[in-house]
């Protein structure tokens, strides 16, 4: 039974490795220059990960416009599609104007938040700390409610909604379930092995 206990402790330790939730890194601007995400510190930031070929991102564009016109929060849209370039981004902006900051992915910063789907909207507090995340098309009212709550009590909102500092998407949920089943399988096999060993004695 000691072996089983040790395995459970190790598994739980690996599953709960602390993640740096503060946003660091850079993105490429429409002027083809590198800019730091930290430039937005001092005000809350809503970061949208999108793609110019994503139909759901087009659906989300109207919601982003509403947020832009209603809130004073900083907004940044970053294409995470590796096939997007400054020209495709410019063409997209002509059809779906983004009067807020936007650009292209320049490093793996967003990967650290488990961003795998577009659109994904990440809310950061004024210190650049991960506060909340929404995956897929979301009504502007939902995000605006989150922004208001963050502005009212930043510490409480981050504590209640930041979780493990990663976006809650179907892929990450599946991985958690998979790891859980694997751990249970290992525990079951070891239990049977240990039990049979005592019985044979």
C-alpha atoms as a PDB file:
ATOM      1  CA  UNK A   1       0.000   0.000   0.000  1.00  0.00           C
ATOM      2  CA  UNK A   2       2.957   2.330   0.547  1.00  0.00           C
ATOM      3  CA  UNK A   3       3.830   2.116  -3.158  1.00  0.00           C
ATOM      4  CA  UNK A   4       0.276   3.071  -4.111  1.00  0.00           C
ATOM      5  CA  UNK A   5       0.334   6.038  -1.747  1.00  0.00           C
ATOM      6  CA  UNK A   6       3.639   7.258  -3.186  1.00  0.00           C
ATOM      7  CA  UNK A   7       2.336   6.980  -6.759  1.00  0.00           C
ATOM      8  CA  UNK A   8      -0.810   8.953  -5.886  1.00  0.00           C
ATOM      9  CA  UNK A   9       1.267  11.701  -4.253  1.00  0.00           C
ATOM     10  CA  UNK A  10       3.631  11.900  -7.253  1.00  0.00           C
ATOM     11  CA  UNK A  11       0.715  12.035  -9.715  1.00  0.00           C
ATOM     12  CA  UNK A  12      -1.027  14.784  -7.780  1.00  0.00           C
ATOM     13  CA  UNK A  13       2.224  16.737  -7.536  1.00  0.00           C
ATOM     14  CA  UNK A  14       2.778  16.578 -11.293  1.00  0.00           C
ATOM     15  CA  UNK A  15      -0.830  17.562 -11.981  1.00  0.00           C
ATOM     16  CA  UNK A  16      -0.554  20.634  -9.773  1.00  0.00           C
ATOM     17  CA  UNK A  17       2.770  22.075 -10.896  1.00  0.00           C
ATOM     18  CA  UNK A  18       2.352  25.836 -10.490  1.00  0.00           C
ATOM     19  CA  UNK A  19       2.002  27.785 -13.727  1.00  0.00           C
ATOM     20  CA  UNK A  20       3.210  31.324 -14.264  1.00  0.00           C
ATOM     21  CA  UNK A  21      -0.041  33.118 -15.068  1.00  0.00           C
ATOM     22  CA  UNK A  22       1.467  36.535 -15.770  1.00  0.00           C
ATOM     23  CA  UNK A  23       1.682  37.294 -19.478  1.00  0.00           C
ATOM     24  CA  UNK A  24       5.166  37.772 -20.877  1.00  0.00           C
ATOM     25  CA  UNK A  25       6.528  37.580 -24.372  1.00  0.00           C
ATOM     26  CA  UNK A  26       5.917  39.448 -27.604  1.00  0.00           C
ATOM     27  CA  UNK A  27       3.656  39.724 -30.627  1.00  0.00           C
ATOM     28  CA  UNK A  28       4.209  41.157 -34.118  1.00  0.00           C
ATOM     29  CA  UNK A  29       2.437  44.432 -34.826  1.00  0.00           C
ATOM     30  CA  UNK A  30       0.878  45.538 -38.112  1.00  0.00           C
ATOM     31  CA  UNK A  31       4.029  47.658 -38.616  1.00  0.00           C
ATOM     32  CA  UNK A  32       6.036  44.413 -38.635  1.00  0.00           C
ATOM     33  CA  UNK A  33       7.683  45.217 -35.328  1.00  0.00           C
ATOM     34  CA  UNK A  34       7.884  43.203 -32.129  1.00  0.00           C
ATOM     35  CA  UNK A  35       5.910  44.573 -29.182  1.00  0.00           C
ATOM     36  CA  UNK A  36       5.750  43.370 -25.584  1.00  0.00           C
ATOM     37  CA  UNK A  37       2.515  42.148 -24.048  1.00  0.00           C
ATOM     38  CA  UNK A  38       3.668  43.916 -20.911  1.00  0.00           C
ATOM     39  CA  UNK A  39       3.063  47.243 -22.695  1.00  0.00           C
ATOM     40  CA  UNK A  40      -0.578  46.827 -21.690  1.00  0.00           C
ATOM     41  CA  UNK A  41       0.176  46.614 -17.967  1.00  0.00           C
ATOM     42  CA  UNK A  42      -1.523  49.347 -15.977  1.00  0.00           C
ATOM     43  CA  UNK A  43      -4.981  48.521 -17.315  1.00  0.00           C
ATOM     44  CA  UNK A  44      -6.958  45.298 -17.711  1.00  0.00           C
ATOM     45  CA  UNK A  45      -6.456  43.596 -21.082  1.00  0.00           C
ATOM     46  CA  UNK A  46      -8.791  41.468 -23.167  1.00  0.00           C
ATOM     47  CA  UNK A  47      -6.682  39.396 -25.547  1.00  0.00           C
ATOM     48  CA  UNK A  48      -8.437  37.651 -28.422  1.00  0.00           C
ATOM     49  CA  UNK A  49      -6.652  34.743 -30.114  1.00  0.00           C
ATOM     50  CA  UNK A  50      -8.175  34.426 -33.570  1.00  0.00           C
ATOM     51  CA  UNK A  51      -7.515  33.407 -37.175  1.00  0.00           C
ATOM     52  CA  UNK A  52      -8.444  35.179 -40.395  1.00  0.00           C
ATOM     53  CA  UNK A  53      -9.858  31.895 -41.739  1.00  0.00           C
ATOM     54  CA  UNK A  54     -11.996  31.135 -38.676  1.00  0.00           C
ATOM     55  CA  UNK A  55     -15.758  31.480 -39.236  1.00  0.00           C
ATOM     56  CA  UNK A  56     -16.442  31.602 -35.495  1.00  0.00           C
ATOM     57  CA  UNK A  57     -13.990  34.503 -35.223  1.00  0.00           C
ATOM     58  CA  UNK A  58     -16.062  36.406 -37.779  1.00  0.00           C
ATOM     59  CA  UNK A  59     -19.140  35.704 -35.632  1.00  0.00           C
ATOM     60  CA  UNK A  60     -17.213  36.963 -32.605  1.00  0.00           C
ATOM     61  CA  UNK A  61     -16.141  40.162 -34.346  1.00  0.00           C
ATOM     62  CA  UNK A  62     -19.455  41.918 -33.655  1.00  0.00           C
ATOM     63  CA  UNK A  63     -19.146  41.030 -29.973  1.00  0.00           C
ATOM     64  CA  UNK A  64     -15.598  42.400 -29.890  1.00  0.00           C
ATOM     65  CA  UNK A  65     -16.845  45.638 -31.464  1.00  0.00           C
ATOM     66  CA  UNK A  66     -19.473  45.921 -28.742  1.00  0.00           C
ATOM     67  CA  UNK A  67     -16.853  45.415 -26.043  1.00  0.00           C
ATOM     68  CA  UNK A  68     -14.589  47.982 -27.688  1.00  0.00           C
ATOM     69  CA  UNK A  69     -17.384  50.549 -27.899  1.00  0.00           C
ATOM     70  CA  UNK A  70     -18.685  49.885 -24.390  1.00  0.00           C
ATOM     71  CA  UNK A  71     -15.595  49.336 -22.240  1.00  0.00           C
ATOM     72  CA  UNK A  72     -12.390  51.269 -21.673  1.00  0.00           C
ATOM     73  CA  UNK A  73     -10.389  48.068 -21.295  1.00  0.00           C
ATOM     74  CA  UNK A  74      -7.346  47.461 -23.459  1.00  0.00           C
ATOM     75  CA  UNK A  75      -8.073  45.085 -26.344  1.00  0.00           C
ATOM     76  CA  UNK A  76      -5.576  43.119 -28.401  1.00  0.00           C
ATOM     77  CA  UNK A  77      -6.403  40.611 -31.158  1.00  0.00           C
ATOM     78  CA  UNK A  78      -3.615  38.209 -32.112  1.00  0.00           C
ATOM     79  CA  UNK A  79      -3.796  35.767 -35.015  1.00  0.00           C
ATOM     80  CA  UNK A  80      -2.401  32.410 -33.932  1.00  0.00           C
ATOM     81  CA  UNK A  81      -2.745  30.922 -37.417  1.00  0.00           C
ATOM     82  CA  UNK A  82       0.772  30.186 -38.680  1.00  0.00           C
ATOM     83  CA  UNK A  83      -0.430  30.736 -42.255  1.00  0.00           C
ATOM     84  CA  UNK A  84      -1.548  34.286 -41.525  1.00  0.00           C
ATOM     85  CA  UNK A  85       0.809  37.118 -42.428  1.00  0.00           C
ATOM     86  CA  UNK A  86       0.676  40.907 -42.464  1.00  0.00           C
ATOM     87  CA  UNK A  87      -1.097  40.919 -45.820  1.00  0.00           C
ATOM     88  CA  UNK A  88      -3.841  38.466 -44.840  1.00  0.00           C
ATOM     89  CA  UNK A  89      -4.242  40.382 -41.584  1.00  0.00           C
ATOM     90  CA  UNK A  90      -4.587  43.650 -43.501  1.00  0.00           C
ATOM     91  CA  UNK A  91      -7.145  42.127 -45.868  1.00  0.00           C
ATOM     92  CA  UNK A  92      -9.117  40.783 -42.911  1.00  0.00           C
ATOM     93  CA  UNK A  93      -9.036  44.175 -41.204  1.00  0.00           C
ATOM     94  CA  UNK A  94     -10.500  45.835 -44.292  1.00  0.00           C
ATOM     95  CA  UNK A  95     -13.509  43.517 -44.210  1.00  0.00           C
ATOM     96  CA  UNK A  96     -13.774  43.251 -40.431  1.00  0.00           C
ATOM     97  CA  UNK A  97     -12.253  46.481 -39.055  1.00  0.00           C
ATOM     98  CA  UNK A  98     -10.389  46.202 -35.763  1.00  0.00           C
ATOM     99  CA  UNK A  99      -9.995  49.749 -34.413  1.00  0.00           C
ATOM    100  CA  UNK A 100      -8.077  48.238 -31.498  1.00  0.00           C
ATOM    101  CA  UNK A 101      -4.545  46.820 -31.363  1.00  0.00           C
ATOM    102  CA  UNK A 102      -4.000  43.648 -33.382  1.00  0.00           C
ATOM    103  CA  UNK A 103      -1.146  41.624 -34.794  1.00  0.00           C
ATOM    104  CA  UNK A 104       0.393  38.211 -35.305  1.00  0.00           C
ATOM    105  CA  UNK A 105       1.706  35.528 -32.988  1.00  0.00           C
ATOM    106  CA  UNK A 106       5.472  35.933 -32.550  1.00  0.00           C
ATOM    107  CA  UNK A 107       6.301  33.316 -29.907  1.00  0.00           C
ATOM    108  CA  UNK A 108       4.739  30.548 -27.801  1.00  0.00           C
ATOM    109  CA  UNK A 109       3.356  32.872 -25.107  1.00  0.00           C
ATOM    110  CA  UNK A 110      -0.273  31.924 -25.754  1.00  0.00           C
ATOM    111  CA  UNK A 111       0.607  28.222 -25.816  1.00  0.00           C
ATOM    112  CA  UNK A 112       1.419  28.503 -22.119  1.00  0.00           C
ATOM    113  CA  UNK A 113      -2.278  29.274 -21.536  1.00  0.00           C
ATOM    114  CA  UNK A 114      -3.300  26.168 -23.489  1.00  0.00           C
ATOM    115  CA  UNK A 115      -4.812  28.256 -26.298  1.00  0.00           C
ATOM    116  CA  UNK A 116      -5.677  25.812 -29.067  1.00  0.00           C
ATOM    117  CA  UNK A 117      -8.962  27.035 -30.451  1.00  0.00           C
ATOM    118  CA  UNK A 118     -10.134  30.225 -32.116  1.00  0.00           C
ATOM    119  CA  UNK A 119     -11.586  32.425 -30.987  1.00  0.00           C
ATOM    120  CA  UNK A 120     -10.258  32.366 -27.435  1.00  0.00           C
ATOM    121  CA  UNK A 121     -10.598  35.462 -25.260  1.00  0.00           C
ATOM    122  CA  UNK A 122      -8.295  35.858 -22.254  1.00  0.00           C
ATOM    123  CA  UNK A 123      -8.849  38.512 -19.625  1.00  0.00           C
ATOM    124  CA  UNK A 124      -5.822  39.840 -17.725  1.00  0.00           C
ATOM    125  CA  UNK A 125      -5.825  42.207 -14.758  1.00  0.00           C
ATOM    126  CA  UNK A 126      -3.905  45.488 -14.724  1.00  0.00           C
ATOM    127  CA  UNK A 127      -0.768  43.673 -13.538  1.00  0.00           C
ATOM    128  CA  UNK A 128      -0.846  41.278 -16.470  1.00  0.00           C
ATOM    129  CA  UNK A 129      -2.137  38.334 -14.421  1.00  0.00           C
ATOM    130  CA  UNK A 130      -4.449  35.764 -16.015  1.00  0.00           C
ATOM    131  CA  UNK A 131      -7.975  36.459 -14.745  1.00  0.00           C
ATOM    132  CA  UNK A 132     -10.417  34.484 -16.918  1.00  0.00           C
ATOM    133  CA  UNK A 133     -10.838  32.820 -20.298  1.00  0.00           C
ATOM    134  CA  UNK A 134     -13.645  32.110 -22.756  1.00  0.00           C
ATOM    135  CA  UNK A 135     -13.421  29.699 -25.700  1.00  0.00           C
ATOM    136  CA  UNK A 136     -15.622  30.036 -28.791  1.00  0.00           C
ATOM    137  CA  UNK A 137     -18.180  32.712 -29.616  1.00  0.00           C
ATOM    138  CA  UNK A 138     -19.307  34.428 -26.420  1.00  0.00           C
ATOM    139  CA  UNK A 139     -21.897  37.175 -25.994  1.00  0.00           C
ATOM    140  CA  UNK A 140     -20.316  40.539 -25.299  1.00  0.00           C
ATOM    141  CA  UNK A 141     -22.522  40.891 -22.218  1.00  0.00           C
ATOM    142  CA  UNK A 142     -20.832  37.881 -20.599  1.00  0.00           C
ATOM    143  CA  UNK A 143     -17.356  39.312 -21.065  1.00  0.00           C
ATOM    144  CA  UNK A 144     -18.454  42.825 -20.097  1.00  0.00           C
ATOM    145  CA  UNK A 145     -19.896  41.427 -16.866  1.00  0.00           C
ATOM    146  CA  UNK A 146     -16.511  39.814 -16.182  1.00  0.00           C
ATOM    147  CA  UNK A 147     -14.705  43.074 -16.921  1.00  0.00           C
ATOM    148  CA  UNK A 148     -16.975  44.994 -14.537  1.00  0.00           C
ATOM    149  CA  UNK A 149     -16.406  42.417 -11.806  1.00  0.00           C
ATOM    150  CA  UNK A 150     -12.641  42.535 -12.383  1.00  0.00           C
ATOM    151  CA  UNK A 151     -12.637  46.319 -12.136  1.00  0.00           C
ATOM    152  CA  UNK A 152     -14.745  46.229  -8.955  1.00  0.00           C
ATOM    153  CA  UNK A 153     -12.494  43.789  -7.069  1.00  0.00           C
ATOM    154  CA  UNK A 154      -9.471  42.580  -9.051  1.00  0.00           C
ATOM    155  CA  UNK A 155      -8.024  40.282  -6.384  1.00  0.00           C
ATOM    156  CA  UNK A 156     -11.328  38.523  -5.661  1.00  0.00           C
ATOM    157  CA  UNK A 157     -12.142  38.112  -9.352  1.00  0.00           C
ATOM    158  CA  UNK A 158      -8.740  36.641 -10.222  1.00  0.00           C
ATOM    159  CA  UNK A 159      -8.901  34.272  -7.245  1.00  0.00           C
ATOM    160  CA  UNK A 160     -12.368  33.068  -8.233  1.00  0.00           C
ATOM    161  CA  UNK A 161     -11.860  32.705 -11.985  1.00  0.00           C
ATOM    162  CA  UNK A 162      -8.200  32.199 -12.867  1.00  0.00           C
ATOM    163  CA  UNK A 163      -8.074  28.511 -11.945  1.00  0.00           C
ATOM    164  CA  UNK A 164      -4.735  26.964 -12.963  1.00  0.00           C
ATOM    165  CA  UNK A 165      -3.904  29.828 -15.305  1.00  0.00           C
ATOM    166  CA  UNK A 166      -5.001  27.941 -18.405  1.00  0.00           C
ATOM    167  CA  UNK A 167      -7.982  28.197 -20.717  1.00  0.00           C
ATOM    168  CA  UNK A 168     -10.747  25.708 -20.073  1.00  0.00           C
ATOM    169  CA  UNK A 169     -11.155  24.073 -23.461  1.00  0.00           C
ATOM    170  CA  UNK A 170     -12.359  20.603 -24.533  1.00  0.00           C
ATOM    171  CA  UNK A 171      -8.841  19.377 -25.281  1.00  0.00           C
ATOM    172  CA  UNK A 172      -7.462  20.201 -21.835  1.00  0.00           C
ATOM    173  CA  UNK A 173     -10.540  18.671 -20.162  1.00  0.00           C
ATOM    174  CA  UNK A 174     -10.025  15.499 -22.200  1.00  0.00           C
ATOM    175  CA  UNK A 175      -6.375  15.337 -21.180  1.00  0.00           C
ATOM    176  CA  UNK A 176      -7.272  15.666 -17.495  1.00  0.00           C
ATOM    177  CA  UNK A 177      -9.772  12.801 -17.822  1.00  0.00           C
ATOM    178  CA  UNK A 178      -7.236  10.690 -19.733  1.00  0.00           C
ATOM    179  CA  UNK A 179      -4.537  11.218 -17.106  1.00  0.00           C
ATOM    180  CA  UNK A 180      -7.072  10.391 -14.414  1.00  0.00           C
ATOM    181  CA  UNK A 181      -7.997   7.089 -16.062  1.00  0.00           C
ATOM    182  CA  UNK A 182      -4.336   6.206 -16.548  1.00  0.00           C
ATOM    183  CA  UNK A 183      -3.607   6.927 -12.878  1.00  0.00           C
ATOM    184  CA  UNK A 184      -6.593   4.846 -11.759  1.00  0.00           C
ATOM    185  CA  UNK A 185      -5.445   2.002 -14.016  1.00  0.00           C
ATOM    186  CA  UNK A 186      -1.959   2.050 -12.512  1.00  0.00           C
ATOM    187  CA  UNK A 187      -3.369   2.145  -8.992  1.00  0.00           C
ATOM    188  CA  UNK A 188      -5.724  -0.771  -9.771  1.00  0.00           C
ATOM    189  CA  UNK A 189      -2.921  -2.928 -11.240  1.00  0.00           C
ATOM    190  CA  UNK A 190      -0.609  -2.225  -8.304  1.00  0.00           C
ATOM    191  CA  UNK A 191      -3.380  -2.929  -5.826  1.00  0.00           C
ATOM    192  CA  UNK A 192      -4.133  -6.292  -7.464  1.00  0.00           C
ATOM    193  CA  UNK A 193      -0.425  -7.130  -7.605  1.00  0.00           C
ATOM    194  CA  UNK A 194       0.148  -6.173  -3.969  1.00  0.00           C
ATOM    195  CA  UNK A 195      -3.013  -7.984  -2.839  1.00  0.00           C
ATOM    196  CA  UNK A 196      -2.085 -11.201  -4.662  1.00  0.00           C
ATOM    197  CA  UNK A 197       1.407 -11.024  -3.212  1.00  0.00           C
ATOM    198  CA  UNK A 198       0.028 -10.985   0.342  1.00  0.00           C
ATOM    199  CA  UNK A 199      -2.488 -13.766  -0.441  1.00  0.00           C
ATOM    200  CA  UNK A 200       0.235 -16.037  -1.885  1.00  0.00           C
ATOM    201  CA  UNK A 201       2.271 -15.579   1.278  1.00  0.00           C
END
